[in-house]
Structure formats: structure tokens, C-alpha cells
């Protein structure tokens, strides 16, 4: 994650279906010290936008 510029104190959101990629992404982000917000891929664009804006 550090090669992507993600580190302690950062916030990362991702939209992935349940599976290996979801787990690996979650663990990688938390191992880098960042906070992760996994979002439901079934959400509409408006719902995703609301979640991201609400999380600030």
C-alpha cells in the first residue's frame, strides 16, 4: 500500500464483491495503518456518493 501512497491515518474506500480480493485489500489497507471502508457493489452511484460524502 505504501507504493500507492497509502499509510497511517489515511482513509480508503473500495467497492469489491465478497471474495479473496476483498479480504486481501482489507488486510493490506489495515496493515498499512489506514482505515478501510468497504462499500457494497450493489449500491447505486448515488448511494456510493452518499456514503463517501457522509464519511467525509
PDB file of N, CA and C in Angstrom:
ATOM      1  N   UNK A   1       0.813  -1.179   0.000  1.00  0.00           N
ATOM      2  CA  UNK A   1       0.000   0.000   0.000  1.00  0.00           C
ATOM      3  C   UNK A   1       0.865   1.256   0.000  1.00  0.00           C
ATOM      4  N   UNK A   2       2.031   1.154   0.592  1.00  0.00           N
ATOM      5  CA  UNK A   2       2.900   2.329   0.635  1.00  0.00           C
ATOM      6  C   UNK A   2       3.286   2.782  -0.775  1.00  0.00           C
ATOM      7  N   UNK A   3       3.407   1.845  -1.711  1.00  0.00           N
ATOM      8  CA  UNK A   3       3.744   2.225  -3.089  1.00  0.00           C
ATOM      9  C   UNK A   3       2.603   3.005  -3.753  1.00  0.00           C
ATOM     10  N   UNK A   4       1.401   2.892  -3.187  1.00  0.00           N
ATOM     11  CA  UNK A   4       0.254   3.660  -3.674  1.00  0.00           C
ATOM     12  C   UNK A   4       0.083   4.959  -2.896  1.00  0.00           C
ATOM     13  N   UNK A   5       0.986   5.197  -1.947  1.00  0.00           N
ATOM     14  CA  UNK A   5       0.901   6.406  -1.136  1.00  0.00           C
ATOM     15  C   UNK A   5      -0.076   6.290   0.015  1.00  0.00           C
ATOM     16  N   UNK A   6      -0.436   5.065   0.379  1.00  0.00           N
ATOM     17  CA  UNK A   6      -1.389   4.836   1.461  1.00  0.00           C
ATOM     18  C   UNK A   6      -0.615   4.476   2.719  1.00  0.00           C
ATOM     19  N   UNK A   7      -0.913   5.192   3.800  1.00  0.00           N
ATOM     20  CA  UNK A   7      -0.208   4.939   5.046  1.00  0.00           C
ATOM     21  C   UNK A   7      -1.064   5.258   6.254  1.00  0.00           C
ATOM     22  N   UNK A   8      -0.413   5.290   7.407  1.00  0.00           N
ATOM     23  CA  UNK A   8      -1.092   5.516   8.682  1.00  0.00           C
ATOM     24  C   UNK A   8      -1.913   6.810   8.626  1.00  0.00           C
ATOM     25  N   UNK A   9      -3.154   6.685   9.070  1.00  0.00           N
ATOM     26  CA  UNK A   9      -4.038   7.836   9.133  1.00  0.00           C
ATOM     27  C   UNK A   9      -4.849   8.099   7.873  1.00  0.00           C
ATOM     28  N   UNK A  10      -4.522   7.425   6.784  1.00  0.00           N
ATOM     29  CA  UNK A  10      -5.294   7.603   5.550  1.00  0.00           C
ATOM     30  C   UNK A  10      -6.616   6.859   5.646  1.00  0.00           C
ATOM     31  N   UNK A  11      -7.550   7.260   4.799  1.00  0.00           N
ATOM     32  CA  UNK A  11      -8.845   6.578   4.698  1.00  0.00           C
ATOM     33  C   UNK A  11      -8.998   6.062   3.280  1.00  0.00           C
ATOM     34  N   UNK A  12      -9.380   4.798   3.161  1.00  0.00           N
ATOM     35  CA  UNK A  12      -9.504   4.157   1.849  1.00  0.00           C
ATOM     36  C   UNK A  12     -10.873   3.493   1.749  1.00  0.00           C
ATOM     37  N   UNK A  13     -11.571   3.756   0.656  1.00  0.00           N
ATOM     38  CA  UNK A  13     -12.836   3.077   0.373  1.00  0.00           C
ATOM     39  C   UNK A  13     -12.636   2.227  -0.869  1.00  0.00           C
ATOM     40  N   UNK A  14     -13.246   1.056  -0.874  1.00  0.00           N
ATOM     41  CA  UNK A  14     -13.205   0.233  -2.078  1.00  0.00           C
ATOM     42  C   UNK A  14     -14.537  -0.459  -2.284  1.00  0.00           C
ATOM     43  N   UNK A  15     -14.796  -0.776  -3.536  1.00  0.00           N
ATOM     44  CA  UNK A  15     -16.037  -1.446  -3.931  1.00  0.00           C
ATOM     45  C   UNK A  15     -15.644  -2.753  -4.593  1.00  0.00           C
ATOM     46  N   UNK A  16     -15.766  -3.837  -3.845  1.00  0.00           N
ATOM     47  CA  UNK A  16     -15.415  -5.165  -4.354  1.00  0.00           C
ATOM     48  C   UNK A  16     -16.449  -6.175  -3.884  1.00  0.00           C
ATOM     49  N   UNK A  17     -16.725  -7.180  -4.694  1.00  0.00           N
ATOM     50  CA  UNK A  17     -17.607  -8.253  -4.222  1.00  0.00           C
ATOM     51  C   UNK A  17     -16.881  -9.070  -3.160  1.00  0.00           C
ATOM     52  N   UNK A  18     -17.644  -9.791  -2.353  1.00  0.00           N
ATOM     53  CA  UNK A  18     -17.028 -10.677  -1.365  1.00  0.00           C
ATOM     54  C   UNK A  18     -16.153 -11.692  -2.080  1.00  0.00           C
ATOM     55  N   UNK A  19     -14.967 -11.902  -1.565  1.00  0.00           N
ATOM     56  CA  UNK A  19     -14.043 -12.844  -2.181  1.00  0.00           C
ATOM     57  C   UNK A  19     -12.627 -12.568  -1.730  1.00  0.00           C
ATOM     58  N   UNK A  20     -11.703 -13.248  -2.352  1.00  0.00           N
ATOM     59  CA  UNK A  20     -10.295 -13.150  -1.980  1.00  0.00           C
ATOM     60  C   UNK A  20      -9.784 -11.719  -2.135  1.00  0.00           C
ATOM     61  N   UNK A  21     -10.130 -11.052  -3.228  1.00  0.00           N
ATOM     62  CA  UNK A  21      -9.657  -9.688  -3.458  1.00  0.00           C
ATOM     63  C   UNK A  21     -10.129  -8.743  -2.360  1.00  0.00           C
ATOM     64  N   UNK A  22     -11.352  -8.944  -1.900  1.00  0.00           N
ATOM     65  CA  UNK A  22     -11.909  -8.127  -0.823  1.00  0.00           C
ATOM     66  C   UNK A  22     -11.085  -8.315   0.451  1.00  0.00           C
ATOM     67  N   UNK A  23     -10.825  -9.548   0.803  1.00  0.00           N
ATOM     68  CA  UNK A  23     -10.072  -9.857   2.023  1.00  0.00           C
ATOM     69  C   UNK A  23      -8.651  -9.322   1.933  1.00  0.00           C
ATOM     70  N   UNK A  24      -7.984  -9.572   0.820  1.00  0.00           N
ATOM     71  CA  UNK A  24      -6.598  -9.115   0.644  1.00  0.00           C
ATOM     72  C   UNK A  24      -6.534  -7.593   0.699  1.00  0.00           C
ATOM     73  N   UNK A  25      -7.457  -6.924   0.048  1.00  0.00           N
ATOM     74  CA  UNK A  25      -7.479  -5.458   0.059  1.00  0.00           C
ATOM     75  C   UNK A  25      -7.701  -4.924   1.467  1.00  0.00           C
ATOM     76  N   UNK A  26      -8.648  -5.499   2.175  1.00  0.00           N
ATOM     77  CA  UNK A  26      -8.935  -5.079   3.547  1.00  0.00           C
ATOM     78  C   UNK A  26      -7.703  -5.238   4.429  1.00  0.00           C
ATOM     79  N   UNK A  27      -7.066  -6.401   4.362  1.00  0.00           N
ATOM     80  CA  UNK A  27      -5.889  -6.659   5.192  1.00  0.00           C
ATOM     81  C   UNK A  27      -4.718  -5.762   4.812  1.00  0.00           C
ATOM     82  N   UNK A  28      -4.522  -5.529   3.530  1.00  0.00           N
ATOM     83  CA  UNK A  28      -3.412  -4.681   3.084  1.00  0.00           C
ATOM     84  C   UNK A  28      -3.592  -3.244   3.562  1.00  0.00           C
ATOM     85  N   UNK A  29      -4.792  -2.732   3.458  1.00  0.00           N
ATOM     86  CA  UNK A  29      -5.047  -1.353   3.885  1.00  0.00           C
ATOM     87  C   UNK A  29      -4.856  -1.223   5.395  1.00  0.00           C
ATOM     88  N   UNK A  30      -5.398  -2.156   6.159  1.00  0.00           N
ATOM     89  CA  UNK A  30      -5.255  -2.069   7.614  1.00  0.00           C
ATOM     90  C   UNK A  30      -3.811  -2.301   8.047  1.00  0.00           C
ATOM     91  N   UNK A  31      -3.086  -3.158   7.354  1.00  0.00           N
ATOM     92  CA  UNK A  31      -1.676  -3.386   7.683  1.00  0.00           C
ATOM     93  C   UNK A  31      -0.844  -2.129   7.439  1.00  0.00           C
ATOM     94  N   UNK A  32      -1.267  -1.298   6.503  1.00  0.00           N
ATOM     95  CA  UNK A  32      -0.567  -0.044   6.214  1.00  0.00           C
ATOM     96  C   UNK A  32      -0.909   1.028   7.245  1.00  0.00           C
ATOM     97  N   UNK A  33      -1.854   0.723   8.128  1.00  0.00           N
ATOM     98  CA  UNK A  33      -2.232   1.670   9.165  1.00  0.00           C
ATOM     99  C   UNK A  33      -3.370   2.592   8.777  1.00  0.00           C
ATOM    100  N   UNK A  34      -3.972   2.337   7.640  1.00  0.00           N
ATOM    101  CA  UNK A  34      -5.075   3.173   7.171  1.00  0.00           C
ATOM    102  C   UNK A  34      -6.412   2.587   7.620  1.00  0.00           C
ATOM    103  N   UNK A  35      -7.432   3.403   7.524  1.00  0.00           N
ATOM    104  CA  UNK A  35      -8.792   2.973   7.833  1.00  0.00           C
ATOM    105  C   UNK A  35      -9.473   2.585   6.531  1.00  0.00           C
ATOM    106  N   UNK A  36     -10.207   1.476   6.561  1.00  0.00           N
ATOM    107  CA  UNK A  36     -10.839   0.986   5.341  1.00  0.00           C
ATOM    108  C   UNK A  36     -12.361   1.065   5.459  1.00  0.00           C
ATOM    109  N   UNK A  37     -12.988   1.436   4.348  1.00  0.00           N
ATOM    110  CA  UNK A  37     -14.444   1.467   4.261  1.00  0.00           C
ATOM    111  C   UNK A  37     -14.857   0.650   3.044  1.00  0.00           C
ATOM    112  N   UNK A  38     -15.118  -0.647   3.246  1.00  0.00           N
ATOM    113  CA  UNK A  38     -15.579  -1.452   2.116  1.00  0.00           C
ATOM    114  C   UNK A  38     -17.035  -1.105   1.803  1.00  0.00           C
ATOM    115  N   UNK A  39     -17.302  -0.814   0.543  1.00  0.00           N
ATOM    116  CA  UNK A  39     -18.646  -0.431   0.125  1.00  0.00           C
ATOM    117  C   UNK A  39     -19.279  -1.541  -0.709  1.00  0.00           C
ATOM    118  N   UNK A  40     -20.578  -1.641  -0.605  1.00  0.00           N
ATOM    119  CA  UNK A  40     -21.343  -2.688  -1.270  1.00  0.00           C
ATOM    120  C   UNK A  40     -21.392  -2.447  -2.782  1.00  0.00           C
ATOM    121  N   UNK A  41     -20.959  -3.414  -3.594  1.00  0.00           N
ATOM    122  CA  UNK A  41     -21.002  -3.230  -5.044  1.00  0.00           C
ATOM    123  C   UNK A  41     -22.422  -3.157  -5.608  1.00  0.00           C
ATOM    124  N   UNK A  42     -23.416  -3.518  -4.820  1.00  0.00           N
ATOM    125  CA  UNK A  42     -24.803  -3.434  -5.278  1.00  0.00           C
ATOM    126  C   UNK A  42     -25.368  -2.020  -5.120  1.00  0.00           C
ATOM    127  N   UNK A  43     -24.632  -1.137  -4.443  1.00  0.00           N
ATOM    128  CA  UNK A  43     -25.095   0.237  -4.268  1.00  0.00           C
ATOM    129  C   UNK A  43     -25.141   0.959  -5.608  1.00  0.00           C
ATOM    130  N   UNK A  44     -26.084   1.864  -5.735  1.00  0.00           N
ATOM    131  CA  UNK A  44     -26.131   2.732  -6.914  1.00  0.00           C
ATOM    132  C   UNK A  44     -25.055   3.811  -6.768  1.00  0.00           C
ATOM    133  N   UNK A  45     -24.804   4.540  -7.842  1.00  0.00           N
ATOM    134  CA  UNK A  45     -23.825   5.636  -7.775  1.00  0.00           C
ATOM    135  C   UNK A  45     -24.225   6.659  -6.717  1.00  0.00           C
ATOM    136  N   UNK A  46     -25.507   6.923  -6.615  1.00  0.00           N
ATOM    137  CA  UNK A  46     -25.985   7.893  -5.634  1.00  0.00           C
ATOM    138  C   UNK A  46     -25.739   7.400  -4.214  1.00  0.00           C
ATOM    139  N   UNK A  47     -25.971   6.112  -3.968  1.00  0.00           N
ATOM    140  CA  UNK A  47     -25.731   5.552  -2.637  1.00  0.00           C
ATOM    141  C   UNK A  47     -24.243   5.570  -2.294  1.00  0.00           C
ATOM    142  N   UNK A  48     -23.397   5.240  -3.268  1.00  0.00           N
ATOM    143  CA  UNK A  48     -21.950   5.291  -3.040  1.00  0.00           C
ATOM    144  C   UNK A  48     -21.519   6.723  -2.743  1.00  0.00           C
ATOM    145  N   UNK A  49     -22.009   7.664  -3.510  1.00  0.00           N
ATOM    146  CA  UNK A  49     -21.673   9.078  -3.301  1.00  0.00           C
ATOM    147  C   UNK A  49     -22.089   9.516  -1.898  1.00  0.00           C
ATOM    148  N   UNK A  50     -23.292   9.122  -1.477  1.00  0.00           N
ATOM    149  CA  UNK A  50     -23.766   9.478  -0.141  1.00  0.00           C
ATOM    150  C   UNK A  50     -22.834   8.919   0.926  1.00  0.00           C
ATOM    151  N   UNK A  51     -22.461   7.650   0.807  1.00  0.00           N
ATOM    152  CA  UNK A  51     -21.577   7.023   1.796  1.00  0.00           C
ATOM    153  C   UNK A  51     -20.242   7.750   1.884  1.00  0.00           C
ATOM    154  N   UNK A  52     -19.674   8.083   0.739  1.00  0.00           N
ATOM    155  CA  UNK A  52     -18.374   8.759   0.720  1.00  0.00           C
ATOM    156  C   UNK A  52     -18.475  10.177   1.281  1.00  0.00           C
ATOM    157  N   UNK A  53     -19.523  10.889   0.924  1.00  0.00           N
ATOM    158  CA  UNK A  53     -19.694  12.243   1.450  1.00  0.00           C
ATOM    159  C   UNK A  53     -19.978  12.216   2.944  1.00  0.00           C
ATOM    160  N   UNK A  54     -20.764  11.248   3.391  1.00  0.00           N
ATOM    161  CA  UNK A  54     -21.103  11.137   4.807  1.00  0.00           C
ATOM    162  C   UNK A  54     -19.872  10.784   5.641  1.00  0.00           C
ATOM    163  N   UNK A  55     -18.971  10.001   5.068  1.00  0.00           N
ATOM    164  CA  UNK A  55     -17.748   9.609   5.776  1.00  0.00           C
ATOM    165  C   UNK A  55     -16.732  10.743   5.802  1.00  0.00           C
ATOM    166  N   UNK A  56     -16.928  11.726   4.922  1.00  0.00           N
ATOM    167  CA  UNK A  56     -16.053  12.890   4.804  1.00  0.00           C
ATOM    168  C   UNK A  56     -14.656  12.449   4.461  1.00  0.00           C
TER     169      UNK A  56
END
